């Protein structure tokens, strides 16, 4: 089974999933999975806690992803 690679396009910000045939070269058939990836991260945060810290290039906390539920109550 080939390993799936996930990456963000530096030009468009689109998140792609697919296989790599050699370093930095996508095989045919990569797919835009932006919406699915964002939904998966949101569900992960909701299930496992509402904040994730990501390391920067130095290995120190550099980014924080937080999710908050919006209450849409109409009066």
PDB file of N, CA and C in Angstrom:
ATOM      1  N   UNK A   1       0.842  -1.184   0.000  1.00  0.00           N
ATOM      2  CA  UNK A   1       0.000   0.000   0.000  1.00  0.00           C
ATOM      3  C   UNK A   1       0.885   1.244   0.000  1.00  0.00           C
ATOM      4  N   UNK A   2       0.571   2.183  -0.892  1.00  0.00           N
ATOM      5  CA  UNK A   2       1.337   3.417  -0.970  1.00  0.00           C
ATOM      6  C   UNK A   2       0.938   4.360   0.159  1.00  0.00           C
ATOM      7  N   UNK A   3       1.915   5.100   0.668  1.00  0.00           N
ATOM      8  CA  UNK A   3       1.638   6.083   1.706  1.00  0.00           C
ATOM      9  C   UNK A   3       0.965   7.304   1.100  1.00  0.00           C
ATOM     10  N   UNK A   4      -0.042   7.809   1.784  1.00  0.00           N
ATOM     11  CA  UNK A   4      -0.734   9.018   1.362  1.00  0.00           C
ATOM     12  C   UNK A   4       0.027  10.221   1.915  1.00  0.00           C
ATOM     13  N   UNK A   5       0.232  11.214   1.083  1.00  0.00           N
ATOM     14  CA  UNK A   5       0.910  12.446   1.473  1.00  0.00           C
ATOM     15  C   UNK A   5      -0.123  13.573   1.460  1.00  0.00           C
ATOM     16  N   UNK A   6      -0.090  14.429   2.449  1.00  0.00           N
ATOM     17  CA  UNK A   6      -0.989  15.577   2.525  1.00  0.00           C
ATOM     18  C   UNK A   6      -0.135  16.828   2.600  1.00  0.00           C
ATOM     19  N   UNK A   7      -0.466  17.824   1.767  1.00  0.00           N
ATOM     20  CA  UNK A   7       0.313  19.062   1.745  1.00  0.00           C
ATOM     21  C   UNK A   7      -0.577  20.214   1.311  1.00  0.00           C
ATOM     22  N   UNK A   8      -0.144  21.417   1.664  1.00  0.00           N
ATOM     23  CA  UNK A   8      -0.849  22.632   1.279  1.00  0.00           C
ATOM     24  C   UNK A   8      -0.098  23.316   0.149  1.00  0.00           C
ATOM     25  N   UNK A   9      -0.836  23.712  -0.882  1.00  0.00           N
ATOM     26  CA  UNK A   9      -0.224  24.434  -1.994  1.00  0.00           C
ATOM     27  C   UNK A   9       0.239  25.801  -1.513  1.00  0.00           C
ATOM     28  N   UNK A  10       1.507  26.147  -1.741  1.00  0.00           N
ATOM     29  CA  UNK A  10       1.981  27.464  -1.324  1.00  0.00           C
ATOM     30  C   UNK A  10       1.357  28.603  -2.148  1.00  0.00           C
ATOM     31  N   UNK A  11       0.850  28.286  -3.324  1.00  0.00           N
ATOM     32  CA  UNK A  11       0.255  29.316  -4.181  1.00  0.00           C
ATOM     33  C   UNK A  11      -1.214  29.571  -3.868  1.00  0.00           C
ATOM     34  N   UNK A  12      -1.987  28.506  -3.646  1.00  0.00           N
ATOM     35  CA  UNK A  12      -3.440  28.644  -3.502  1.00  0.00           C
ATOM     36  C   UNK A  12      -3.956  28.397  -2.095  1.00  0.00           C
ATOM     37  N   UNK A  13      -3.170  27.723  -1.255  1.00  0.00           N
ATOM     38  CA  UNK A  13      -3.642  27.353   0.073  1.00  0.00           C
ATOM     39  C   UNK A  13      -4.512  26.112   0.066  1.00  0.00           C
ATOM     40  N   UNK A  14      -4.695  25.500  -1.090  1.00  0.00           N
ATOM     41  CA  UNK A  14      -5.492  24.277  -1.209  1.00  0.00           C
ATOM     42  C   UNK A  14      -4.746  23.120  -0.561  1.00  0.00           C
ATOM     43  N   UNK A  15      -5.458  22.276   0.178  1.00  0.00           N
ATOM     44  CA  UNK A  15      -4.870  21.096   0.795  1.00  0.00           C
ATOM     45  C   UNK A  15      -5.100  19.914  -0.153  1.00  0.00           C
ATOM     46  N   UNK A  16      -4.004  19.251  -0.540  1.00  0.00           N
ATOM     47  CA  UNK A  16      -4.074  18.112  -1.443  1.00  0.00           C
ATOM     48  C   UNK A  16      -3.660  16.833  -0.729  1.00  0.00           C
ATOM     49  N   UNK A  17      -4.232  15.700  -1.151  1.00  0.00           N
ATOM     50  CA  UNK A  17      -3.832  14.374  -0.682  1.00  0.00           C
ATOM     51  C   UNK A  17      -3.566  13.513  -1.906  1.00  0.00           C
ATOM     52  N   UNK A  18      -2.561  12.692  -1.810  1.00  0.00           N
ATOM     53  CA  UNK A  18      -2.216  11.791  -2.902  1.00  0.00           C
ATOM     54  C   UNK A  18      -0.920  11.082  -2.585  1.00  0.00           C
ATOM     55  N   UNK A  19      -0.312  10.520  -3.601  1.00  0.00           N
ATOM     56  CA  UNK A  19       0.949   9.820  -3.403  1.00  0.00           C
ATOM     57  C   UNK A  19       2.079  10.608  -4.067  1.00  0.00           C
ATOM     58  N   UNK A  20       3.276  10.360  -3.586  1.00  0.00           N
ATOM     59  CA  UNK A  20       4.480  11.024  -4.098  1.00  0.00           C
ATOM     60  C   UNK A  20       5.301   9.969  -4.844  1.00  0.00           C
ATOM     61  N   UNK A  21       5.749  10.288  -6.069  1.00  0.00           N
ATOM     62  CA  UNK A  21       6.566   9.320  -6.804  1.00  0.00           C
ATOM     63  C   UNK A  21       8.058   9.516  -6.520  1.00  0.00           C
ATOM     64  N   UNK A  22       8.440  10.738  -6.199  1.00  0.00           N
ATOM     65  CA  UNK A  22       9.783  11.015  -5.686  1.00  0.00           C
ATOM     66  C   UNK A  22       9.699  12.333  -4.932  1.00  0.00           C
ATOM     67  N   UNK A  23      10.731  12.655  -4.183  1.00  0.00           N
ATOM     68  CA  UNK A  23      10.705  13.830  -3.309  1.00  0.00           C
ATOM     69  C   UNK A  23      10.179  15.071  -4.032  1.00  0.00           C
ATOM     70  N   UNK A  24       9.034  15.563  -3.558  1.00  0.00           N
ATOM     71  CA  UNK A  24       8.471  16.792  -4.088  1.00  0.00           C
ATOM     72  C   UNK A  24       7.675  16.652  -5.371  1.00  0.00           C
ATOM     73  N   UNK A  25       7.522  15.433  -5.905  1.00  0.00           N
ATOM     74  CA  UNK A  25       6.782  15.242  -7.160  1.00  0.00           C
ATOM     75  C   UNK A  25       5.550  14.382  -6.895  1.00  0.00           C
ATOM     76  N   UNK A  26       4.386  14.986  -7.128  1.00  0.00           N
ATOM     77  CA  UNK A  26       3.124  14.265  -6.919  1.00  0.00           C
ATOM     78  C   UNK A  26       2.895  13.257  -8.041  1.00  0.00           C
ATOM     79  N   UNK A  27       2.339  12.119  -7.683  1.00  0.00           N
ATOM     80  CA  UNK A  27       1.873  11.170  -8.691  1.00  0.00           C
ATOM     81  C   UNK A  27       0.554  11.690  -9.242  1.00  0.00           C
ATOM     82  N   UNK A  28       0.129  11.149 -10.362  1.00  0.00           N
ATOM     83  CA  UNK A  28      -1.157  11.551 -10.938  1.00  0.00           C
ATOM     84  C   UNK A  28      -2.274  11.205  -9.958  1.00  0.00           C
ATOM     85  N   UNK A  29      -3.300  12.040  -9.932  1.00  0.00           N
ATOM     86  CA  UNK A  29      -4.473  11.727  -9.134  1.00  0.00           C
ATOM     87  C   UNK A  29      -4.535  12.396  -7.775  1.00  0.00           C
ATOM     88  N   UNK A  30      -3.710  13.404  -7.502  1.00  0.00           N
ATOM     89  CA  UNK A  30      -3.846  14.102  -6.222  1.00  0.00           C
ATOM     90  C   UNK A  30      -5.233  14.736  -6.169  1.00  0.00           C
ATOM     91  N   UNK A  31      -5.787  14.844  -4.966  1.00  0.00           N
ATOM     92  CA  UNK A  31      -7.142  15.346  -4.810  1.00  0.00           C
ATOM     93  C   UNK A  31      -7.183  16.513  -3.842  1.00  0.00           C
ATOM     94  N   UNK A  32      -8.053  17.467  -4.127  1.00  0.00           N
ATOM     95  CA  UNK A  32      -8.309  18.588  -3.224  1.00  0.00           C
ATOM     96  C   UNK A  32      -9.130  18.057  -2.055  1.00  0.00           C
ATOM     97  N   UNK A  33      -8.562  18.100  -0.859  1.00  0.00           N
ATOM     98  CA  UNK A  33      -9.244  17.608   0.337  1.00  0.00           C
ATOM     99  C   UNK A  33      -9.373  18.714   1.385  1.00  0.00           C
ATOM    100  N   UNK A  34      -9.368  19.967   0.932  1.00  0.00           N
ATOM    101  CA  UNK A  34      -9.363  21.101   1.850  1.00  0.00           C
ATOM    102  C   UNK A  34     -10.526  21.042   2.833  1.00  0.00           C
ATOM    103  N   UNK A  35     -11.755  20.942   2.331  1.00  0.00           N
ATOM    104  CA  UNK A  35     -12.916  20.939   3.228  1.00  0.00           C
ATOM    105  C   UNK A  35     -12.897  19.741   4.170  1.00  0.00           C
ATOM    106  N   UNK A  36     -12.546  18.553   3.651  1.00  0.00           N
ATOM    107  CA  UNK A  36     -12.511  17.357   4.491  1.00  0.00           C
ATOM    108  C   UNK A  36     -11.438  17.467   5.570  1.00  0.00           C
ATOM    109  N   UNK A  37     -10.278  18.033   5.218  1.00  0.00           N
ATOM    110  CA  UNK A  37      -9.195  18.174   6.185  1.00  0.00           C
ATOM    111  C   UNK A  37      -9.574  19.137   7.299  1.00  0.00           C
ATOM    112  N   UNK A  38     -10.185  20.267   6.928  1.00  0.00           N
ATOM    113  CA  UNK A  38     -10.601  21.242   7.944  1.00  0.00           C
ATOM    114  C   UNK A  38     -11.666  20.642   8.850  1.00  0.00           C
ATOM    115  N   UNK A  39     -12.622  19.925   8.269  1.00  0.00           N
ATOM    116  CA  UNK A  39     -13.672  19.279   9.073  1.00  0.00           C
ATOM    117  C   UNK A  39     -13.071  18.230  10.002  1.00  0.00           C
ATOM    118  N   UNK A  40     -12.100  17.466   9.511  1.00  0.00           N
ATOM    119  CA  UNK A  40     -11.463  16.446  10.341  1.00  0.00           C
ATOM    120  C   UNK A  40     -10.719  17.074  11.518  1.00  0.00           C
ATOM    121  N   UNK A  41     -10.006  18.169  11.274  1.00  0.00           N
ATOM    122  CA  UNK A  41      -9.304  18.866  12.358  1.00  0.00           C
ATOM    123  C   UNK A  41     -10.312  19.415  13.366  1.00  0.00           C
ATOM    124  N   UNK A  42     -11.394  20.011  12.893  1.00  0.00           N
ATOM    125  CA  UNK A  42     -12.420  20.544  13.793  1.00  0.00           C
ATOM    126  C   UNK A  42     -12.999  19.431  14.663  1.00  0.00           C
ATOM    127  N   UNK A  43     -13.323  18.297  14.057  1.00  0.00           N
ATOM    128  CA  UNK A  43     -13.876  17.175  14.833  1.00  0.00           C
ATOM    129  C   UNK A  43     -12.862  16.624  15.813  1.00  0.00           C
ATOM    130  N   UNK A  44     -11.599  16.573  15.421  1.00  0.00           N
ATOM    131  CA  UNK A  44     -10.536  16.118  16.318  1.00  0.00           C
ATOM    132  C   UNK A  44     -10.434  17.039  17.540  1.00  0.00           C
ATOM    133  N   UNK A  45     -10.458  18.349  17.289  1.00  0.00           N
ATOM    134  CA  UNK A  45     -10.375  19.306  18.391  1.00  0.00           C
ATOM    135  C   UNK A  45     -11.576  19.187  19.316  1.00  0.00           C
ATOM    136  N   UNK A  46     -12.764  19.033  18.761  1.00  0.00           N
ATOM    137  CA  UNK A  46     -13.966  18.898  19.587  1.00  0.00           C
ATOM    138  C   UNK A  46     -13.899  17.648  20.460  1.00  0.00           C
ATOM    139  N   UNK A  47     -13.375  16.556  19.924  1.00  0.00           N
ATOM    140  CA  UNK A  47     -13.324  15.298  20.673  1.00  0.00           C
ATOM    141  C   UNK A  47     -12.193  15.259  21.690  1.00  0.00           C
ATOM    142  N   UNK A  48     -11.054  15.883  21.358  1.00  0.00           N
ATOM    143  CA  UNK A  48      -9.852  15.715  22.177  1.00  0.00           C
ATOM    144  C   UNK A  48      -9.396  16.969  22.909  1.00  0.00           C
ATOM    145  N   UNK A  49     -10.206  17.964  22.955  1.00  0.00           N
ATOM    146  CA  UNK A  49      -9.821  19.217  23.591  1.00  0.00           C
ATOM    147  C   UNK A  49      -9.876  20.320  22.553  1.00  0.00           C
ATOM    148  N   UNK A  50     -10.060  21.526  22.988  1.00  0.00           N
ATOM    149  CA  UNK A  50     -10.360  22.609  22.058  1.00  0.00           C
ATOM    150  C   UNK A  50      -9.147  23.378  21.565  1.00  0.00           C
ATOM    151  N   UNK A  51      -7.948  23.028  21.987  1.00  0.00           N
ATOM    152  CA  UNK A  51      -6.762  23.755  21.539  1.00  0.00           C
ATOM    153  C   UNK A  51      -5.624  22.791  21.250  1.00  0.00           C
ATOM    154  N   UNK A  52      -4.904  23.042  20.171  1.00  0.00           N
ATOM    155  CA  UNK A  52      -3.703  22.279  19.827  1.00  0.00           C
ATOM    156  C   UNK A  52      -2.586  23.278  19.584  1.00  0.00           C
ATOM    157  N   UNK A  53      -1.429  23.025  20.182  1.00  0.00           N
ATOM    158  CA  UNK A  53      -0.253  23.857  19.941  1.00  0.00           C
ATOM    159  C   UNK A  53       0.621  23.171  18.911  1.00  0.00           C
ATOM    160  N   UNK A  54       1.100  23.947  17.946  1.00  0.00           N
ATOM    161  CA  UNK A  54       1.993  23.427  16.916  1.00  0.00           C
ATOM    162  C   UNK A  54       3.356  24.076  17.063  1.00  0.00           C
ATOM    163  N   UNK A  55       4.384  23.279  16.853  1.00  0.00           N
ATOM    164  CA  UNK A  55       5.752  23.795  16.997  1.00  0.00           C
ATOM    165  C   UNK A  55       6.157  24.610  15.778  1.00  0.00           C
ATOM    166  N   UNK A  56       7.022  25.594  16.027  1.00  0.00           N
ATOM    167  CA  UNK A  56       7.613  26.354  14.920  1.00  0.00           C
ATOM    168  C   UNK A  56       8.887  25.643  14.470  1.00  0.00           C
ATOM    169  N   UNK A  57       9.652  26.281  13.618  1.00  0.00           N
ATOM    170  CA  UNK A  57      10.868  25.671  13.085  1.00  0.00           C
ATOM    171  C   UNK A  57      11.896  25.343  14.168  1.00  0.00           C
ATOM    172  N   UNK A  58      11.847  26.061  15.293  1.00  0.00           N
ATOM    173  CA  UNK A  58      12.785  25.833  16.398  1.00  0.00           C
ATOM    174  C   UNK A  58      12.321  24.747  17.356  1.00  0.00           C
ATOM    175  N   UNK A  59      11.125  24.212  17.123  1.00  0.00           N
ATOM    176  CA  UNK A  59      10.591  23.189  18.008  1.00  0.00           C
ATOM    177  C   UNK A  59       9.816  23.752  19.191  1.00  0.00           C
ATOM    178  N   UNK A  60       9.720  25.069  19.263  1.00  0.00           N
ATOM    179  CA  UNK A  60       8.981  25.712  20.343  1.00  0.00           C
ATOM    180  C   UNK A  60       7.544  25.954  19.892  1.00  0.00           C
ATOM    181  N   UNK A  61       6.611  26.079  20.840  1.00  0.00           N
ATOM    182  CA  UNK A  61       5.240  26.401  20.432  1.00  0.00           C
ATOM    183  C   UNK A  61       5.213  27.687  19.619  1.00  0.00           C
ATOM    184  N   UNK A  62       4.645  27.597  18.427  1.00  0.00           N
ATOM    185  CA  UNK A  62       4.640  28.753  17.550  1.00  0.00           C
ATOM    186  C   UNK A  62       3.259  29.099  17.025  1.00  0.00           C
ATOM    187  N   UNK A  63       2.349  28.119  17.075  1.00  0.00           N
ATOM    188  CA  UNK A  63       1.001  28.324  16.566  1.00  0.00           C
ATOM    189  C   UNK A  63       0.007  27.641  17.475  1.00  0.00           C
ATOM    190  N   UNK A  64      -1.202  28.167  17.473  1.00  0.00           N
ATOM    191  CA  UNK A  64      -2.273  27.600  18.290  1.00  0.00           C
ATOM    192  C   UNK A  64      -3.526  27.493  17.423  1.00  0.00           C
ATOM    193  N   UNK A  65      -4.142  26.316  17.425  1.00  0.00           N
ATOM    194  CA  UNK A  65      -5.417  26.127  16.737  1.00  0.00           C
ATOM    195  C   UNK A  65      -6.472  25.908  17.803  1.00  0.00           C
ATOM    196  N   UNK A  66      -7.507  26.727  17.762  1.00  0.00           N
ATOM    197  CA  UNK A  66      -8.590  26.660  18.740  1.00  0.00           C
ATOM    198  C   UNK A  66      -9.918  26.570  18.016  1.00  0.00           C
ATOM    199  N   UNK A  67     -10.848  25.844  18.596  1.00  0.00           N
ATOM    200  CA  UNK A  67     -12.194  25.763  18.030  1.00  0.00           C
ATOM    201  C   UNK A  67     -13.193  26.176  19.093  1.00  0.00           C
ATOM    202  N   UNK A  68     -14.175  26.958  18.675  1.00  0.00           N
ATOM    203  CA  UNK A  68     -15.236  27.399  19.574  1.00  0.00           C
ATOM    204  C   UNK A  68     -16.580  27.141  18.914  1.00  0.00           C
ATOM    205  N   UNK A  69     -17.497  26.584  19.667  1.00  0.00           N
ATOM    206  CA  UNK A  69     -18.838  26.327  19.151  1.00  0.00           C
ATOM    207  C   UNK A  69     -19.622  27.632  19.150  1.00  0.00           C
ATOM    208  N   UNK A  70     -20.324  27.877  18.062  1.00  0.00           N
ATOM    209  CA  UNK A  70     -21.180  29.057  17.956  1.00  0.00           C
ATOM    210  C   UNK A  70     -22.605  28.636  18.249  1.00  0.00           C
ATOM    211  N   UNK A  71     -23.223  29.319  19.164  1.00  0.00           N
ATOM    212  CA  UNK A  71     -24.622  29.020  19.497  1.00  0.00           C
ATOM    213  C   UNK A  71     -25.514  29.899  18.631  1.00  0.00           C
ATOM    214  N   UNK A  72     -26.207  29.282  17.705  1.00  0.00           N
ATOM    215  CA  UNK A  72     -27.119  29.995  16.824  1.00  0.00           C
ATOM    216  C   UNK A  72     -28.537  29.886  17.355  1.00  0.00           C
ATOM    217  N   UNK A  73     -28.840  30.689  18.342  1.00  0.00           N
ATOM    218  CA  UNK A  73     -30.199  30.684  18.886  1.00  0.00           C
ATOM    219  C   UNK A  73     -30.936  31.888  18.376  1.00  0.00           C
ATOM    220  N   UNK A  74     -32.104  31.653  17.791  1.00  0.00           N
ATOM    221  CA  UNK A  74     -32.917  32.739  17.275  1.00  0.00           C
ATOM    222  C   UNK A  74     -34.033  33.026  18.269  1.00  0.00           C
ATOM    223  N   UNK A  75     -34.265  34.301  18.498  1.00  0.00           N
ATOM    224  CA  UNK A  75     -35.305  34.699  19.448  1.00  0.00           C
ATOM    225  C   UNK A  75     -36.620  34.887  18.736  1.00  0.00           C
TER     226      UNK A  75
END
